[in-house]
Amino acid sequence: MPRLAIHRLSMAHPGDLSALEALIARGEVRAGEIRAVIGKTEGNGGLNDFTRGFFTQTLMLLLASQTGETPAALAARIPCVLSGGTEGALSPHYMVFSVSDEAAAGRGLALGTAFSPVTPAREIGRVAQIEAVVAAVRAAMADAGIARAEDVALVQVKAPAPQAPDPDARSTDAKLLMALSRAAAAVGAGVALGDIPADHATEAALLTDLSLYSNRVSISSGVEVTCNEVVVFGHADGWAEGIVAGVAPMADLLDLAGVQAAFAAAPGEVLGVIAKGEPDKTGAIRGHRHTMLGDTDIDAQRHLRGALGAIVAAVAGDGRVFVSGGAEHQGPPGGGLVCVFARSA
């Protein structure tokens, strides 16, 4: 029977894997059992944020030294979902998800992974990417043994962004293309979960029809990946008990009750937190103007991460929170979602 384990580890810099190396040396984590890594690095979260690639390269070199596999082979089977930007109270960290076999019976939190085919620039933000994510999410569910979409707690995707301008791309605006990639991945995941009708999953709907969203989808995009890397969490028979996931939507950036609901749904020792948020496109929060979208000095997503990070970290009592902006089609417009992993009391 598989058992999921989660270790949340701090880092001194984007290439610091010493905490994981120590766990492996002590036998607390087996390198060959690591299935996914999700973390926050201290870059800017933009196209030129190379902290994410630096971390991934260092991670794969470490695991290669422990397993005998090549870094390329490891990168092709272990999703490494990194979000840049640790503004404010946020602390750089990474969550290591490993799966071991043991003799037990029950129904517990399951993890499955899948990779879409390489996504060229011409397919980003188009139906081809939506369909590729639909297929990858369903493959990840099958990998975890999750039989029903309603048993999925969260889908985490790292979506690609082109490293250089491409004449075949849907847009020449690099930031817009990153947003389109997140949107296509979110809609694709929502279709796979049955949260978004398949016949509404069109190119025209991306970034425009914000009534289409899933409360169980978290997407990040970046130049360090070339395909859609998918991690699915949900409940399935045959997985050991002990870890729970609490997920709740945030109606807006000030929805403290939504944050608290996610923590209440996962009582016990907190093992990790994932939060998505988005500056409200109306330019206001609860009727009052915000300036995140009009600030020419600080990117709106950096405003978002600093604000949402403080709210979630205050509830968690820990700055090691995965807070990511760009929540297109991921929760209510102007809001987002929170997922809490915990070891049940």
C-alpha atoms as a PDB file:
ATOM      1  CA  MET A   1       0.000   0.000   0.000  1.00  0.00           C
ATOM      2  CA  PRO A   2       1.390   3.442  -0.850  1.00  0.00           C
ATOM      3  CA  ARG A   3       1.861   6.063   1.846  1.00  0.00           C
ATOM      4  CA  LEU A   4       2.291   9.737   1.030  1.00  0.00           C
ATOM      5  CA  ALA A   5       4.821  11.779   3.019  1.00  0.00           C
ATOM      6  CA  ILE A   6       5.357  15.544   2.873  1.00  0.00           C
ATOM      7  CA  HIS A   7       8.430  17.403   4.083  1.00  0.00           C
ATOM      8  CA  ARG A   8       8.472  21.215   4.055  1.00  0.00           C
ATOM      9  CA  LEU A   9      12.066  22.442   3.932  1.00  0.00           C
ATOM     10  CA  SER A  10      13.683  25.868   4.140  1.00  0.00           C
ATOM     11  CA  MET A  11      16.452  27.081   1.840  1.00  0.00           C
ATOM     12  CA  ALA A  12      19.236  29.630   2.298  1.00  0.00           C
ATOM     13  CA  HIS A  13      19.330  30.388  -1.434  1.00  0.00           C
ATOM     14  CA  PRO A  14      17.725  28.967  -4.617  1.00  0.00           C
ATOM     15  CA  GLY A  15      20.394  26.285  -4.957  1.00  0.00           C
ATOM     16  CA  ASP A  16      20.355  25.197  -1.307  1.00  0.00           C
ATOM     17  CA  LEU A  17      19.185  21.576  -1.055  1.00  0.00           C
ATOM     18  CA  SER A  18      21.104  20.858   2.163  1.00  0.00           C
ATOM     19  CA  ALA A  19      17.947  20.156   4.173  1.00  0.00           C
ATOM     20  CA  LEU A  20      16.821  17.479   1.723  1.00  0.00           C
ATOM     21  CA  GLU A  21      20.334  16.068   1.486  1.00  0.00           C
ATOM     22  CA  ALA A  22      20.357  15.689   5.285  1.00  0.00           C
ATOM     23  CA  LEU A  23      17.005  13.878   5.287  1.00  0.00           C
ATOM     24  CA  ILE A  24      18.280  11.476   2.642  1.00  0.00           C
ATOM     25  CA  ALA A  25      21.519  10.894   4.592  1.00  0.00           C
ATOM     26  CA  ARG A  26      19.523  10.058   7.741  1.00  0.00           C
ATOM     27  CA  GLY A  27      17.243   7.688   5.847  1.00  0.00           C
ATOM     28  CA  GLU A  28      14.129   9.775   6.526  1.00  0.00           C
ATOM     29  CA  VAL A  29      13.566  10.250   2.793  1.00  0.00           C
ATOM     30  CA  ARG A  30      14.546   7.832   0.046  1.00  0.00           C
ATOM     31  CA  ALA A  31      15.613   9.676  -3.095  1.00  0.00           C
ATOM     32  CA  GLY A  32      14.010   7.076  -5.349  1.00  0.00           C
ATOM     33  CA  GLU A  33      10.629   7.575  -3.679  1.00  0.00           C
ATOM     34  CA  ILE A  34      10.373  11.327  -4.360  1.00  0.00           C
ATOM     35  CA  ARG A  35       7.428  11.916  -6.693  1.00  0.00           C
ATOM     36  CA  ALA A  36       7.068  15.710  -6.832  1.00  0.00           C
ATOM     37  CA  VAL A  37       8.482  18.960  -5.470  1.00  0.00           C
ATOM     38  CA  ILE A  38       6.531  22.209  -5.059  1.00  0.00           C
ATOM     39  CA  GLY A  39       8.280  25.335  -3.811  1.00  0.00           C
ATOM     40  CA  LYS A  40       8.841  29.083  -3.641  1.00  0.00           C
ATOM     41  CA  THR A  41      12.050  30.767  -4.730  1.00  0.00           C
ATOM     42  CA  GLU A  42      13.071  34.356  -4.158  1.00  0.00           C
ATOM     43  CA  GLY A  43      13.084  35.521  -7.789  1.00  0.00           C
ATOM     44  CA  ASN A  44      10.680  37.966  -9.383  1.00  0.00           C
ATOM     45  CA  GLY A  45       8.324  35.356 -10.816  1.00  0.00           C
ATOM     46  CA  GLY A  46       8.746  36.738 -14.337  1.00  0.00           C
ATOM     47  CA  LEU A  47      10.283  35.561 -17.572  1.00  0.00           C
ATOM     48  CA  ASN A  48      13.783  36.381 -16.370  1.00  0.00           C
ATOM     49  CA  ASP A  49      13.388  34.586 -13.044  1.00  0.00           C
ATOM     50  CA  PHE A  50      16.159  32.014 -13.310  1.00  0.00           C
ATOM     51  CA  THR A  51      16.003  31.045  -9.632  1.00  0.00           C
ATOM     52  CA  ARG A  52      13.447  28.377 -10.571  1.00  0.00           C
ATOM     53  CA  GLY A  53      15.684  26.729 -13.150  1.00  0.00           C
ATOM     54  CA  PHE A  54      18.673  26.957 -10.779  1.00  0.00           C
ATOM     55  CA  PHE A  55      16.750  25.116  -8.061  1.00  0.00           C
ATOM     56  CA  THR A  56      15.498  22.455 -10.485  1.00  0.00           C
ATOM     57  CA  GLN A  57      18.985  21.840 -11.864  1.00  0.00           C
ATOM     58  CA  THR A  58      20.440  21.517  -8.357  1.00  0.00           C
ATOM     59  CA  LEU A  59      17.640  19.182  -7.279  1.00  0.00           C
ATOM     60  CA  MET A  60      18.061  16.845 -10.226  1.00  0.00           C
ATOM     61  CA  LEU A  61      21.839  16.728  -9.751  1.00  0.00           C
ATOM     62  CA  LEU A  62      21.360  15.784  -6.089  1.00  0.00           C
ATOM     63  CA  LEU A  63      18.820  13.067  -6.879  1.00  0.00           C
ATOM     64  CA  ALA A  64      20.999  11.764  -9.719  1.00  0.00           C
ATOM     65  CA  SER A  65      23.887  11.310  -7.295  1.00  0.00           C
ATOM     66  CA  GLN A  66      21.612   9.308  -5.002  1.00  0.00           C
ATOM     67  CA  THR A  67      19.685   7.188  -7.508  1.00  0.00           C
ATOM     68  CA  GLY A  68      22.082   6.637 -10.387  1.00  0.00           C
ATOM     69  CA  GLU A  69      19.532   8.019 -12.849  1.00  0.00           C
ATOM     70  CA  THR A  70      20.449  10.871 -15.148  1.00  0.00           C
ATOM     71  CA  PRO A  71      19.210  14.382 -14.324  1.00  0.00           C
ATOM     72  CA  ALA A  72      17.256  14.368 -17.603  1.00  0.00           C
ATOM     73  CA  ALA A  73      15.475  11.131 -16.735  1.00  0.00           C
ATOM     74  CA  LEU A  74      14.590  12.432 -13.284  1.00  0.00           C
ATOM     75  CA  ALA A  75      13.284  15.733 -14.669  1.00  0.00           C
ATOM     76  CA  ALA A  76      11.095  13.778 -17.078  1.00  0.00           C
ATOM     77  CA  ARG A  77       9.268  11.951 -14.277  1.00  0.00           C
ATOM     78  CA  ILE A  78       9.388  14.263 -11.222  1.00  0.00           C
ATOM     79  CA  PRO A  79       7.309  17.444 -11.571  1.00  0.00           C
ATOM     80  CA  CYS A  80       9.163  20.397 -10.058  1.00  0.00           C
ATOM     81  CA  VAL A  81       6.593  23.151  -9.607  1.00  0.00           C
ATOM     82  CA  LEU A  82       8.280  26.372  -8.580  1.00  0.00           C
ATOM     83  CA  SER A  83       6.824  29.841  -8.136  1.00  0.00           C
ATOM     84  CA  GLY A  84       9.114  32.849  -7.947  1.00  0.00           C
ATOM     85  CA  GLY A  85       8.557  35.725  -5.556  1.00  0.00           C
ATOM     86  CA  THR A  86       8.767  35.652  -1.744  1.00  0.00           C
ATOM     87  CA  GLU A  87       7.714  39.225  -1.070  1.00  0.00           C
ATOM     88  CA  GLY A  88       6.893  40.426   2.424  1.00  0.00           C
ATOM     89  CA  ALA A  89       6.518  37.725   5.062  1.00  0.00           C
ATOM     90  CA  LEU A  90       6.913  34.819   2.621  1.00  0.00           C
ATOM     91  CA  SER A  91       9.907  32.546   3.160  1.00  0.00           C
ATOM     92  CA  PRO A  92      11.738  30.564   0.444  1.00  0.00           C
ATOM     93  CA  HIS A  93      10.983  26.881   0.888  1.00  0.00           C
ATOM     94  CA  TYR A  94      10.047  23.686  -0.921  1.00  0.00           C
ATOM     95  CA  MET A  95       7.737  20.755  -0.232  1.00  0.00           C
ATOM     96  CA  VAL A  96       9.007  17.279  -1.040  1.00  0.00           C
ATOM     97  CA  PHE A  97       6.294  14.696  -1.765  1.00  0.00           C
ATOM     98  CA  SER A  98       7.428  11.083  -1.526  1.00  0.00           C
ATOM     99  CA  VAL A  99       5.532   7.804  -1.730  1.00  0.00           C
ATOM    100  CA  SER A 100       6.584   4.616   0.029  1.00  0.00           C
ATOM    101  CA  ASP A 101       5.064   1.131   0.152  1.00  0.00           C
ATOM    102  CA  GLU A 102       3.884  -0.403   3.374  1.00  0.00           C
ATOM    103  CA  ALA A 103       1.481  -3.086   4.544  1.00  0.00           C
ATOM    104  CA  ALA A 104      -1.722  -1.338   5.592  1.00  0.00           C
ATOM    105  CA  ALA A 105      -5.322  -0.903   4.550  1.00  0.00           C
ATOM    106  CA  GLY A 106      -7.450   2.171   4.248  1.00  0.00           C
ATOM    107  CA  ARG A 107      -8.389   5.170   2.193  1.00  0.00           C
ATOM    108  CA  GLY A 108      -6.055   8.122   2.293  1.00  0.00           C
ATOM    109  CA  LEU A 109      -4.634  11.076   0.428  1.00  0.00           C
ATOM    110  CA  ALA A 110      -3.199   9.932  -2.902  1.00  0.00           C
ATOM    111  CA  LEU A 111      -0.748  11.575  -5.285  1.00  0.00           C
ATOM    112  CA  GLY A 112      -0.459  11.092  -9.025  1.00  0.00           C
ATOM    113  CA  THR A 113       1.700  12.775 -11.652  1.00  0.00           C
ATOM    114  CA  ALA A 114       1.749  13.138 -15.421  1.00  0.00           C
ATOM    115  CA  PHE A 115       3.446  15.168 -18.133  1.00  0.00           C
ATOM    116  CA  SER A 116       1.857  16.420 -21.328  1.00  0.00           C
ATOM    117  CA  PRO A 117       3.839  16.241 -24.581  1.00  0.00           C
ATOM    118  CA  VAL A 118       6.203  19.153 -25.192  1.00  0.00           C
ATOM    119  CA  THR A 119       4.085  22.252 -25.805  1.00  0.00           C
ATOM    120  CA  PRO A 120       5.470  24.479 -28.587  1.00  0.00           C
ATOM    121  CA  ALA A 121       4.896  28.226 -28.446  1.00  0.00           C
ATOM    122  CA  ARG A 122       2.215  28.044 -31.141  1.00  0.00           C
ATOM    123  CA  GLU A 123       0.036  25.838 -28.885  1.00  0.00           C
ATOM    124  CA  ILE A 124       0.268  27.926 -25.708  1.00  0.00           C
ATOM    125  CA  GLY A 125      -3.058  29.530 -24.869  1.00  0.00           C
ATOM    126  CA  ARG A 126      -4.861  27.517 -27.516  1.00  0.00           C
ATOM    127  CA  VAL A 127      -7.213  24.537 -27.594  1.00  0.00           C
ATOM    128  CA  ALA A 128      -4.259  22.196 -28.113  1.00  0.00           C
ATOM    129  CA  GLN A 129      -2.883  23.131 -24.681  1.00  0.00           C
ATOM    130  CA  ILE A 130      -6.304  22.853 -23.047  1.00  0.00           C
ATOM    131  CA  GLU A 131      -6.749  19.348 -24.455  1.00  0.00           C
ATOM    132  CA  ALA A 132      -3.218  18.320 -23.490  1.00  0.00           C
ATOM    133  CA  VAL A 133      -3.879  19.322 -19.869  1.00  0.00           C
ATOM    134  CA  VAL A 134      -7.229  17.501 -19.829  1.00  0.00           C
ATOM    135  CA  ALA A 135      -5.432  14.314 -20.866  1.00  0.00           C
ATOM    136  CA  ALA A 136      -2.547  14.845 -18.415  1.00  0.00           C
ATOM    137  CA  VAL A 137      -4.863  15.454 -15.437  1.00  0.00           C
ATOM    138  CA  ARG A 138      -6.794  12.301 -16.217  1.00  0.00           C
ATOM    139  CA  ALA A 139      -3.522  10.385 -16.541  1.00  0.00           C
ATOM    140  CA  ALA A 140      -2.367  11.719 -13.168  1.00  0.00           C
ATOM    141  CA  MET A 141      -5.671  10.672 -11.588  1.00  0.00           C
ATOM    142  CA  ALA A 142      -5.201   7.179 -12.994  1.00  0.00           C
ATOM    143  CA  ASP A 143      -1.619   7.146 -11.686  1.00  0.00           C
ATOM    144  CA  ALA A 144      -2.948   7.910  -8.199  1.00  0.00           C
ATOM    145  CA  GLY A 145      -5.820   5.445  -8.438  1.00  0.00           C
ATOM    146  CA  ILE A 146      -8.385   8.218  -8.045  1.00  0.00           C
ATOM    147  CA  ALA A 147     -11.488   6.854  -9.726  1.00  0.00           C
ATOM    148  CA  ARG A 148     -13.837   9.836  -9.489  1.00  0.00           C
ATOM    149  CA  ALA A 149     -13.274  13.502 -10.265  1.00  0.00           C
ATOM    150  CA  GLU A 150     -15.164  14.485  -7.116  1.00  0.00           C
ATOM    151  CA  ASP A 151     -12.454  12.763  -5.053  1.00  0.00           C
ATOM    152  CA  VAL A 152      -9.768  15.159  -6.330  1.00  0.00           C
ATOM    153  CA  ALA A 153      -8.740  17.757  -3.750  1.00  0.00           C
ATOM    154  CA  LEU A 154      -6.287  19.789  -5.843  1.00  0.00           C
ATOM    155  CA  VAL A 155      -4.624  19.815  -9.247  1.00  0.00           C
ATOM    156  CA  GLN A 156      -1.286  21.623  -9.371  1.00  0.00           C
ATOM    157  CA  VAL A 157       0.173  22.364 -12.821  1.00  0.00           C
ATOM    158  CA  LYS A 158       3.393  23.976 -13.971  1.00  0.00           C
ATOM    159  CA  ALA A 159       2.681  25.309 -17.453  1.00  0.00           C
ATOM    160  CA  PRO A 160       5.291  26.362 -20.028  1.00  0.00           C
ATOM    161  CA  ALA A 161       6.188  29.790 -21.342  1.00  0.00           C
ATOM    162  CA  PRO A 162       8.467  30.379 -24.361  1.00  0.00           C
ATOM    163  CA  GLN A 163      12.013  31.460 -23.585  1.00  0.00           C
ATOM    164  CA  ALA A 164      12.176  33.766 -26.608  1.00  0.00           C
ATOM    165  CA  PRO A 165       9.674  35.552 -28.886  1.00  0.00           C
ATOM    166  CA  ASP A 166       8.108  33.190 -31.408  1.00  0.00           C
ATOM    167  CA  PRO A 167       6.300  34.406 -34.531  1.00  0.00           C
ATOM    168  CA  ASP A 168       3.910  31.455 -34.316  1.00  0.00           C
ATOM    169  CA  ALA A 169       2.810  32.281 -30.762  1.00  0.00           C
ATOM    170  CA  ARG A 170      -0.665  33.584 -30.027  1.00  0.00           C
ATOM    171  CA  SER A 171       0.813  36.843 -28.700  1.00  0.00           C
ATOM    172  CA  THR A 172       4.113  38.697 -28.854  1.00  0.00           C
ATOM    173  CA  ASP A 173       3.491  40.022 -25.333  1.00  0.00           C
ATOM    174  CA  ALA A 174       5.531  37.689 -23.114  1.00  0.00           C
ATOM    175  CA  LYS A 175       3.563  38.436 -19.922  1.00  0.00           C
ATOM    176  CA  LEU A 176       0.269  37.931 -21.727  1.00  0.00           C
ATOM    177  CA  LEU A 177       1.510  34.603 -23.085  1.00  0.00           C
ATOM    178  CA  MET A 178       2.382  33.467 -19.548  1.00  0.00           C
ATOM    179  CA  ALA A 179      -1.154  34.388 -18.478  1.00  0.00           C
ATOM    180  CA  LEU A 180      -2.657  32.548 -21.450  1.00  0.00           C
ATOM    181  CA  SER A 181      -0.633  29.465 -20.557  1.00  0.00           C
ATOM    182  CA  ARG A 182      -1.941  29.559 -16.988  1.00  0.00           C
ATOM    183  CA  ALA A 183      -5.472  30.130 -18.253  1.00  0.00           C
ATOM    184  CA  ALA A 184      -5.364  27.239 -20.737  1.00  0.00           C
ATOM    185  CA  ALA A 185      -3.961  24.887 -18.096  1.00  0.00           C
ATOM    186  CA  ALA A 186      -6.577  25.986 -15.555  1.00  0.00           C
ATOM    187  CA  VAL A 187      -9.446  25.513 -17.977  1.00  0.00           C
ATOM    188  CA  GLY A 188      -8.075  22.145 -19.079  1.00  0.00           C
ATOM    189  CA  ALA A 189      -7.794  20.959 -15.491  1.00  0.00           C
ATOM    190  CA  GLY A 190     -11.287  22.279 -14.776  1.00  0.00           C
ATOM    191  CA  VAL A 191     -12.688  20.325 -17.710  1.00  0.00           C
ATOM    192  CA  ALA A 192     -10.967  17.145 -16.514  1.00  0.00           C
ATOM    193  CA  LEU A 193     -12.566  17.614 -13.085  1.00  0.00           C
ATOM    194  CA  GLY A 194     -16.004  18.386 -14.493  1.00  0.00           C
ATOM    195  CA  ASP A 195     -15.927  21.892 -13.000  1.00  0.00           C
ATOM    196  CA  ILE A 196     -15.912  23.568 -16.426  1.00  0.00           C
ATOM    197  CA  PRO A 197     -18.128  22.372 -19.322  1.00  0.00           C
ATOM    198  CA  ALA A 198     -16.000  21.010 -22.161  1.00  0.00           C
ATOM    199  CA  ASP A 199     -17.980  22.937 -24.789  1.00  0.00           C
ATOM    200  CA  HIS A 200     -17.092  26.208 -23.016  1.00  0.00           C
ATOM    201  CA  ALA A 201     -13.346  25.507 -23.120  1.00  0.00           C
ATOM    202  CA  THR A 202     -12.518  27.701 -26.101  1.00  0.00           C
ATOM    203  CA  GLU A 203      -9.621  29.983 -26.934  1.00  0.00           C
ATOM    204  CA  ALA A 204     -11.968  32.957 -26.896  1.00  0.00           C
ATOM    205  CA  ALA A 205     -12.974  32.178 -23.296  1.00  0.00           C
ATOM    206  CA  LEU A 206      -9.419  32.318 -21.945  1.00  0.00           C
ATOM    207  CA  LEU A 207      -8.899  35.415 -19.767  1.00  0.00           C
ATOM    208  CA  THR A 208     -12.305  36.769 -20.841  1.00  0.00           C
ATOM    209  CA  ASP A 209     -15.045  34.494 -19.466  1.00  0.00           C
ATOM    210  CA  LEU A 210     -14.012  34.469 -15.816  1.00  0.00           C
ATOM    211  CA  SER A 211     -17.255  32.724 -14.845  1.00  0.00           C
ATOM    212  CA  LEU A 212     -15.375  29.604 -15.923  1.00  0.00           C
ATOM    213  CA  TYR A 213     -13.198  28.465 -13.038  1.00  0.00           C
ATOM    214  CA  SER A 214     -12.394  25.603 -10.704  1.00  0.00           C
ATOM    215  CA  ASN A 215     -11.905  25.894  -6.959  1.00  0.00           C
ATOM    216  CA  ARG A 216      -9.521  22.915  -7.101  1.00  0.00           C
ATOM    217  CA  VAL A 217      -6.895  24.089  -9.581  1.00  0.00           C
ATOM    218  CA  SER A 218      -3.588  25.904  -9.010  1.00  0.00           C
ATOM    219  CA  ILE A 219      -1.416  26.893 -11.983  1.00  0.00           C
ATOM    220  CA  SER A 220       2.036  28.433 -12.295  1.00  0.00           C
ATOM    221  CA  SER A 221       3.848  29.164 -15.561  1.00  0.00           C
ATOM    222  CA  GLY A 222       7.495  29.667 -16.380  1.00  0.00           C
ATOM    223  CA  VAL A 223      10.275  29.340 -18.924  1.00  0.00           C
ATOM    224  CA  GLU A 224      11.968  26.520 -17.016  1.00  0.00           C
ATOM    225  CA  VAL A 225       9.510  23.889 -18.291  1.00  0.00           C
ATOM    226  CA  THR A 226       8.617  22.882 -21.847  1.00  0.00           C
ATOM    227  CA  CYS A 227       5.417  20.949 -21.157  1.00  0.00           C
ATOM    228  CA  ASN A 228       2.545  20.902 -18.684  1.00  0.00           C
ATOM    229  CA  GLU A 229       3.711  19.139 -15.505  1.00  0.00           C
ATOM    230  CA  VAL A 230       0.754  17.892 -13.460  1.00  0.00           C
ATOM    231  CA  VAL A 231       0.413  16.802  -9.824  1.00  0.00           C
ATOM    232  CA  VAL A 232      -2.979  15.580  -8.600  1.00  0.00           C
ATOM    233  CA  PHE A 233      -3.965  15.126  -4.950  1.00  0.00           C
ATOM    234  CA  GLY A 234      -7.121  13.310  -3.938  1.00  0.00           C
ATOM    235  CA  HIS A 235      -8.597  10.503  -1.902  1.00  0.00           C
ATOM    236  CA  ALA A 236      -8.343   6.921  -3.068  1.00  0.00           C
ATOM    237  CA  ASP A 237      -8.680   3.401  -1.752  1.00  0.00           C
ATOM    238  CA  GLY A 238      -5.461   1.580  -1.034  1.00  0.00           C
ATOM    239  CA  TRP A 239      -3.562   4.626   0.252  1.00  0.00           C
ATOM    240  CA  ALA A 240      -2.487   4.853   3.876  1.00  0.00           C
ATOM    241  CA  GLU A 241      -4.335   7.246   6.123  1.00  0.00           C
ATOM    242  CA  GLY A 242      -2.670  10.033   8.060  1.00  0.00           C
ATOM    243  CA  ILE A 243      -2.447  13.049   5.744  1.00  0.00           C
ATOM    244  CA  VAL A 244      -5.399  15.249   4.822  1.00  0.00           C
ATOM    245  CA  ALA A 245      -5.908  18.144   2.416  1.00  0.00           C
ATOM    246  CA  GLY A 246      -8.283  21.010   3.107  1.00  0.00           C
ATOM    247  CA  VAL A 247      -9.213  23.204   0.155  1.00  0.00           C
ATOM    248  CA  ALA A 248     -11.415  26.305   0.143  1.00  0.00           C
ATOM    249  CA  PRO A 249     -12.071  29.178  -2.274  1.00  0.00           C
ATOM    250  CA  MET A 250     -11.344  32.818  -1.484  1.00  0.00           C
ATOM    251  CA  ALA A 251     -14.033  35.205  -2.678  1.00  0.00           C
ATOM    252  CA  ASP A 252     -11.552  38.091  -2.728  1.00  0.00           C
ATOM    253  CA  LEU A 253      -8.145  39.077  -1.412  1.00  0.00           C
ATOM    254  CA  LEU A 254      -9.555  39.930   2.027  1.00  0.00           C
ATOM    255  CA  ASP A 255     -11.443  36.668   2.488  1.00  0.00           C
ATOM    256  CA  LEU A 256      -9.941  35.655   5.819  1.00  0.00           C
ATOM    257  CA  ALA A 257     -12.872  33.311   6.445  1.00  0.00           C
ATOM    258  CA  GLY A 258     -11.989  31.406   3.277  1.00  0.00           C
ATOM    259  CA  VAL A 259      -8.406  30.954   4.467  1.00  0.00           C
ATOM    260  CA  GLN A 260      -9.582  29.800   7.868  1.00  0.00           C
ATOM    261  CA  ALA A 261     -11.989  27.339   6.242  1.00  0.00           C
ATOM    262  CA  ALA A 262      -9.121  25.607   4.452  1.00  0.00           C
ATOM    263  CA  PHE A 263      -7.185  25.254   7.705  1.00  0.00           C
ATOM    264  CA  ALA A 264     -10.291  24.017   9.533  1.00  0.00           C
ATOM    265  CA  ALA A 265     -10.764  21.333   6.873  1.00  0.00           C
ATOM    266  CA  ALA A 266      -7.249  20.007   7.550  1.00  0.00           C
ATOM    267  CA  PRO A 267      -6.855  19.750  11.341  1.00  0.00           C
ATOM    268  CA  GLY A 268      -3.520  18.620  12.695  1.00  0.00           C
ATOM    269  CA  GLU A 269       0.144  19.436  12.065  1.00  0.00           C
ATOM    270  CA  VAL A 270       0.419  21.671   9.003  1.00  0.00           C
ATOM    271  CA  LEU A 271       2.776  20.177   6.417  1.00  0.00           C
ATOM    272  CA  GLY A 272       2.358  22.712   3.637  1.00  0.00           C
ATOM    273  CA  VAL A 273       0.118  25.444   2.246  1.00  0.00           C
ATOM    274  CA  ILE A 274      -0.683  26.430  -1.335  1.00  0.00           C
ATOM    275  CA  ALA A 275      -2.570  29.642  -2.115  1.00  0.00           C
ATOM    276  CA  LYS A 276      -3.573  31.332  -5.360  1.00  0.00           C
ATOM    277  CA  GLY A 277      -4.757  34.898  -5.735  1.00  0.00           C
ATOM    278  CA  GLU A 278      -5.426  37.565  -8.344  1.00  0.00           C
ATOM    279  CA  PRO A 279      -5.668  41.363  -8.250  1.00  0.00           C
ATOM    280  CA  ASP A 280      -9.315  42.136  -8.928  1.00  0.00           C
ATOM    281  CA  LYS A 281      -9.604  43.326 -12.535  1.00  0.00           C
ATOM    282  CA  THR A 282     -12.343  45.791 -11.574  1.00  0.00           C
ATOM    283  CA  GLY A 283      -9.737  47.835  -9.710  1.00  0.00           C
ATOM    284  CA  ALA A 284     -11.608  47.579  -6.423  1.00  0.00           C
ATOM    285  CA  ILE A 285     -11.931  45.264  -3.428  1.00  0.00           C
ATOM    286  CA  ARG A 286     -15.278  45.366  -1.633  1.00  0.00           C
ATOM    287  CA  GLY A 287     -16.121  48.670  -3.236  1.00  0.00           C
ATOM    288  CA  HIS A 288     -12.843  50.420  -2.494  1.00  0.00           C
ATOM    289  CA  ARG A 289     -10.159  51.211  -5.049  1.00  0.00           C
ATOM    290  CA  HIS A 290      -6.873  49.322  -5.080  1.00  0.00           C
ATOM    291  CA  THR A 291      -3.769  50.418  -6.995  1.00  0.00           C
ATOM    292  CA  MET A 292      -2.148  47.083  -7.779  1.00  0.00           C
ATOM    293  CA  LEU A 293      -2.928  47.151 -11.496  1.00  0.00           C
ATOM    294  CA  GLY A 294      -1.822  50.747 -12.072  1.00  0.00           C
ATOM    295  CA  ASP A 295       1.491  50.790 -10.204  1.00  0.00           C
ATOM    296  CA  THR A 296       4.302  51.377 -12.709  1.00  0.00           C
ATOM    297  CA  ASP A 297       7.014  50.688 -10.115  1.00  0.00           C
ATOM    298  CA  ILE A 298       5.923  47.331  -8.692  1.00  0.00           C
ATOM    299  CA  ASP A 299       4.318  44.541 -10.713  1.00  0.00           C
ATOM    300  CA  ALA A 300       0.750  43.719  -9.689  1.00  0.00           C
ATOM    301  CA  GLN A 301       1.633  40.098  -8.937  1.00  0.00           C
ATOM    302  CA  ARG A 302       4.301  41.214  -6.469  1.00  0.00           C
ATOM    303  CA  HIS A 303       1.690  43.350  -4.694  1.00  0.00           C
ATOM    304  CA  LEU A 304      -0.588  40.315  -4.677  1.00  0.00           C
ATOM    305  CA  ARG A 305       1.957  37.896  -3.268  1.00  0.00           C
ATOM    306  CA  GLY A 306       2.956  40.296  -0.511  1.00  0.00           C
ATOM    307  CA  ALA A 307      -0.633  40.975   0.552  1.00  0.00           C
ATOM    308  CA  LEU A 308      -2.038  37.454   0.259  1.00  0.00           C
ATOM    309  CA  GLY A 309       1.135  35.985   1.731  1.00  0.00           C
ATOM    310  CA  ALA A 310       0.745  38.066   4.884  1.00  0.00           C
ATOM    311  CA  ILE A 311      -2.878  36.990   5.336  1.00  0.00           C
ATOM    312  CA  VAL A 312      -2.234  33.271   4.852  1.00  0.00           C
ATOM    313  CA  ALA A 313       1.053  33.243   6.770  1.00  0.00           C
ATOM    314  CA  ALA A 314      -0.629  34.963   9.725  1.00  0.00           C
ATOM    315  CA  VAL A 315      -3.169  32.149   9.934  1.00  0.00           C
ATOM    316  CA  ALA A 316      -0.501  29.495   9.413  1.00  0.00           C
ATOM    317  CA  GLY A 317       1.908  31.090  11.867  1.00  0.00           C
ATOM    318  CA  ASP A 318       4.644  30.314   9.350  1.00  0.00           C
ATOM    319  CA  GLY A 319       6.021  32.244   6.373  1.00  0.00           C
ATOM    320  CA  ARG A 320       6.684  29.052   4.401  1.00  0.00           C
ATOM    321  CA  VAL A 321       3.549  29.404   2.296  1.00  0.00           C
ATOM    322  CA  PHE A 322       3.356  28.774  -1.453  1.00  0.00           C
ATOM    323  CA  VAL A 323       1.573  31.925  -2.593  1.00  0.00           C
ATOM    324  CA  SER A 324       1.265  32.423  -6.333  1.00  0.00           C
ATOM    325  CA  GLY A 325      -0.384  35.178  -8.344  1.00  0.00           C
ATOM    326  CA  GLY A 326      -1.953  34.768 -11.735  1.00  0.00           C
ATOM    327  CA  ALA A 327      -5.108  32.962 -10.620  1.00  0.00           C
ATOM    328  CA  GLU A 328      -6.928  33.135 -13.963  1.00  0.00           C
ATOM    329  CA  HIS A 329      -9.823  30.615 -13.913  1.00  0.00           C
ATOM    330  CA  GLN A 330      -8.550  29.366 -10.527  1.00  0.00           C
ATOM    331  CA  GLY A 331     -11.248  30.282  -8.077  1.00  0.00           C
ATOM    332  CA  PRO A 332     -13.689  33.206  -8.220  1.00  0.00           C
ATOM    333  CA  PRO A 333     -12.620  36.307 -10.192  1.00  0.00           C
ATOM    334  CA  GLY A 334     -10.608  38.594  -7.941  1.00  0.00           C
ATOM    335  CA  GLY A 335     -10.258  35.763  -5.443  1.00  0.00           C
ATOM    336  CA  GLY A 336      -8.488  32.421  -5.475  1.00  0.00           C
ATOM    337  CA  LEU A 337      -8.081  29.341  -3.350  1.00  0.00           C
ATOM    338  CA  VAL A 338      -6.166  27.903  -0.398  1.00  0.00           C
ATOM    339  CA  CYS A 339      -5.055  24.296   0.086  1.00  0.00           C
ATOM    340  CA  VAL A 340      -3.667  23.055   3.404  1.00  0.00           C
ATOM    341  CA  PHE A 341      -1.865  19.735   3.831  1.00  0.00           C
ATOM    342  CA  ALA A 342      -1.761  18.403   7.369  1.00  0.00           C
ATOM    343  CA  ARG A 343      -0.909  15.299   9.353  1.00  0.00           C
ATOM    344  CA  SER A 344      -4.210  14.446  10.980  1.00  0.00           C
ATOM    345  CA  ALA A 345      -4.371  14.591  14.746  1.00  0.00           C
END
